[in-house]
């Protein structure tokens, strides 16, 4: 269970980083899922930062899970 939670946190974190890279440089268009969701498309920088923080928090919280 711990590995699954860590993997989900890592994927959320990478999605946020990829979204920020897309906003700043135009690269990683495939990872910019925030742009494809209508109600999140207005605030992509904020949403990507929240994804980074949430992914990091999930990865840290996964350490407190018992095996």
N, C-alpha and C. Protein backbone atom coordinates (compact mmCIF):
# COMPACT_ATOMS: atom_id res chain seq x y z
N UNK A 1 0.82 -1.19 0.00
CA UNK A 1 0.00 0.00 0.00
C UNK A 1 0.87 1.26 0.00
N UNK A 2 1.98 1.16 0.73
CA UNK A 2 2.87 2.31 0.81
C UNK A 2 3.45 2.68 -0.55
N UNK A 3 3.82 1.69 -1.33
CA UNK A 3 4.39 1.95 -2.66
C UNK A 3 3.35 2.55 -3.60
N UNK A 4 2.10 2.14 -3.48
CA UNK A 4 1.04 2.69 -4.33
C UNK A 4 0.83 4.17 -4.02
N UNK A 5 0.80 4.51 -2.74
CA UNK A 5 0.61 5.91 -2.34
C UNK A 5 1.81 6.75 -2.78
N UNK A 6 3.01 6.22 -2.63
CA UNK A 6 4.20 6.94 -3.08
C UNK A 6 4.17 7.16 -4.59
N UNK A 7 3.74 6.16 -5.33
CA UNK A 7 3.67 6.27 -6.79
C UNK A 7 2.64 7.32 -7.21
N UNK A 8 1.50 7.33 -6.56
CA UNK A 8 0.48 8.33 -6.87
C UNK A 8 1.00 9.73 -6.56
N UNK A 9 1.65 9.89 -5.41
CA UNK A 9 2.23 11.19 -5.07
C UNK A 9 3.28 11.63 -6.06
N UNK A 10 4.10 10.69 -6.51
CA UNK A 10 5.13 11.01 -7.49
C UNK A 10 4.52 11.44 -8.82
N UNK A 11 3.47 10.74 -9.26
CA UNK A 11 2.82 11.10 -10.52
C UNK A 11 2.16 12.48 -10.44
N UNK A 12 1.55 12.80 -9.31
CA UNK A 12 0.95 14.12 -9.14
C UNK A 12 2.04 15.19 -9.14
N UNK A 13 3.14 14.91 -8.47
CA UNK A 13 4.27 15.85 -8.42
C UNK A 13 4.83 16.09 -9.83
N UNK A 14 5.05 15.03 -10.57
CA UNK A 14 5.60 15.15 -11.93
C UNK A 14 4.62 15.88 -12.85
N UNK A 15 3.32 15.65 -12.66
CA UNK A 15 2.33 16.37 -13.46
C UNK A 15 2.42 17.88 -13.20
N UNK A 16 2.59 18.26 -11.95
CA UNK A 16 2.74 19.68 -11.62
C UNK A 16 4.00 20.28 -12.21
N UNK A 17 5.10 19.56 -12.12
CA UNK A 17 6.37 20.05 -12.68
C UNK A 17 6.28 20.15 -14.19
N UNK A 18 5.71 19.15 -14.82
CA UNK A 18 5.55 19.18 -16.28
C UNK A 18 4.64 20.32 -16.72
N UNK A 19 3.59 20.58 -15.95
CA UNK A 19 2.70 21.69 -16.27
C UNK A 19 3.39 23.04 -16.14
N UNK A 20 4.23 23.19 -15.10
CA UNK A 20 4.98 24.44 -14.97
C UNK A 20 5.98 24.61 -16.10
N UNK A 21 6.65 23.55 -16.46
CA UNK A 21 7.59 23.63 -17.58
C UNK A 21 6.87 24.01 -18.87
N UNK A 22 5.68 23.47 -19.05
CA UNK A 22 4.91 23.82 -20.24
C UNK A 22 4.52 25.30 -20.21
N UNK A 23 4.12 25.80 -19.07
CA UNK A 23 3.72 27.20 -18.97
C UNK A 23 4.90 28.14 -19.21
N UNK A 24 6.05 27.77 -18.71
CA UNK A 24 7.21 28.65 -18.81
C UNK A 24 7.95 28.53 -20.14
N UNK A 25 8.03 27.32 -20.69
CA UNK A 25 8.86 27.11 -21.88
C UNK A 25 8.09 26.66 -23.11
N UNK A 26 6.89 26.12 -22.94
CA UNK A 26 6.15 25.58 -24.07
C UNK A 26 6.46 24.13 -24.36
N UNK A 27 7.36 23.51 -23.58
CA UNK A 27 7.69 22.10 -23.75
C UNK A 27 6.73 21.25 -22.94
N UNK A 28 6.79 19.97 -23.10
CA UNK A 28 6.00 19.00 -22.34
C UNK A 28 4.51 19.23 -22.51
N UNK A 29 4.08 19.44 -23.73
CA UNK A 29 2.67 19.69 -24.01
C UNK A 29 1.81 18.49 -23.61
N UNK A 30 2.35 17.29 -23.71
CA UNK A 30 1.61 16.08 -23.35
C UNK A 30 1.25 16.05 -21.87
N UNK A 31 2.15 16.62 -21.02
CA UNK A 31 1.93 16.59 -19.58
C UNK A 31 1.02 17.69 -19.08
N UNK A 32 0.64 18.60 -19.92
CA UNK A 32 -0.16 19.75 -19.49
C UNK A 32 -1.65 19.38 -19.42
N UNK A 33 -2.00 18.48 -18.54
CA UNK A 33 -3.39 18.06 -18.40
C UNK A 33 -4.27 19.16 -17.83
N UNK A 34 -3.69 20.08 -17.09
CA UNK A 34 -4.47 21.17 -16.50
C UNK A 34 -5.09 22.02 -17.60
N UNK A 35 -4.41 22.19 -18.69
CA UNK A 35 -4.92 22.97 -19.82
C UNK A 35 -6.15 22.31 -20.46
N UNK A 36 -6.25 21.00 -20.37
CA UNK A 36 -7.34 20.28 -21.02
C UNK A 36 -8.60 20.22 -20.18
N UNK A 37 -8.50 20.54 -18.90
CA UNK A 37 -9.67 20.54 -18.02
C UNK A 37 -10.22 21.96 -17.98
N UNK A 38 -11.47 22.13 -18.41
CA UNK A 38 -12.04 23.46 -18.64
C UNK A 38 -12.02 24.36 -17.41
N UNK A 39 -12.48 23.88 -16.27
CA UNK A 39 -12.58 24.76 -15.11
C UNK A 39 -11.24 25.02 -14.44
N UNK A 40 -10.19 24.31 -14.81
CA UNK A 40 -8.84 24.57 -14.28
C UNK A 40 -7.98 25.36 -15.27
N UNK A 41 -8.41 25.48 -16.49
CA UNK A 41 -7.61 26.12 -17.53
C UNK A 41 -7.39 27.61 -17.33
N UNK A 42 -8.20 28.26 -16.50
CA UNK A 42 -8.04 29.69 -16.28
C UNK A 42 -6.86 30.03 -15.38
N UNK A 43 -6.49 29.11 -14.49
CA UNK A 43 -5.43 29.35 -13.53
C UNK A 43 -4.38 28.25 -13.55
N UNK A 44 -3.69 28.07 -14.64
CA UNK A 44 -2.78 26.92 -14.75
C UNK A 44 -1.56 27.00 -13.83
N UNK A 45 -1.00 28.18 -13.62
CA UNK A 45 0.17 28.27 -12.75
C UNK A 45 -0.17 27.89 -11.32
N UNK A 46 -1.27 28.43 -10.81
CA UNK A 46 -1.69 28.12 -9.45
C UNK A 46 -1.98 26.64 -9.28
N UNK A 47 -2.69 26.06 -10.23
CA UNK A 47 -3.06 24.65 -10.14
C UNK A 47 -1.81 23.77 -10.20
N UNK A 48 -0.85 24.10 -11.03
CA UNK A 48 0.37 23.30 -11.12
C UNK A 48 1.19 23.39 -9.84
N UNK A 49 1.24 24.57 -9.23
CA UNK A 49 1.95 24.69 -7.95
C UNK A 49 1.24 23.87 -6.88
N UNK A 50 -0.09 23.90 -6.88
CA UNK A 50 -0.84 23.09 -5.92
C UNK A 50 -0.58 21.60 -6.16
N UNK A 51 -0.48 21.18 -7.41
CA UNK A 51 -0.17 19.78 -7.70
C UNK A 51 1.21 19.39 -7.18
N UNK A 52 2.18 20.27 -7.32
CA UNK A 52 3.53 19.99 -6.81
C UNK A 52 3.50 19.83 -5.29
N UNK A 53 2.85 20.76 -4.61
CA UNK A 53 2.79 20.70 -3.15
C UNK A 53 2.01 19.47 -2.69
N UNK A 54 0.88 19.18 -3.35
CA UNK A 54 0.07 18.03 -2.96
C UNK A 54 0.83 16.72 -3.21
N UNK A 55 1.53 16.63 -4.32
CA UNK A 55 2.31 15.42 -4.60
C UNK A 55 3.41 15.21 -3.58
N UNK A 56 4.10 16.29 -3.22
CA UNK A 56 5.15 16.19 -2.20
C UNK A 56 4.54 15.78 -0.85
N UNK A 57 3.38 16.35 -0.51
CA UNK A 57 2.73 16.01 0.76
C UNK A 57 2.31 14.54 0.79
N UNK A 58 1.81 14.03 -0.32
CA UNK A 58 1.40 12.62 -0.37
C UNK A 58 2.62 11.72 -0.24
N UNK A 59 3.72 12.07 -0.88
CA UNK A 59 4.92 11.25 -0.76
C UNK A 59 5.47 11.27 0.66
N UNK A 60 5.41 12.42 1.32
CA UNK A 60 5.87 12.50 2.71
C UNK A 60 4.93 11.71 3.63
N UNK A 61 3.63 11.83 3.37
CA UNK A 61 2.65 11.11 4.20
C UNK A 61 2.76 9.61 4.01
N UNK A 62 3.22 9.17 2.88
CA UNK A 62 3.36 7.73 2.64
C UNK A 62 4.40 7.11 3.58
N UNK A 63 5.35 7.90 4.04
CA UNK A 63 6.34 7.38 4.97
C UNK A 63 5.72 7.02 6.31
N UNK A 64 4.62 7.65 6.67
CA UNK A 64 4.01 7.36 7.96
C UNK A 64 3.13 6.11 7.92
N UNK A 65 2.85 5.60 6.71
CA UNK A 65 2.07 4.37 6.60
C UNK A 65 2.89 3.17 7.03
N UNK A 66 2.22 2.24 7.68
CA UNK A 66 2.90 1.02 8.06
C UNK A 66 2.89 0.04 6.89
N UNK A 67 3.85 -0.80 6.84
CA UNK A 67 3.98 -1.72 5.73
C UNK A 67 2.88 -2.75 5.67
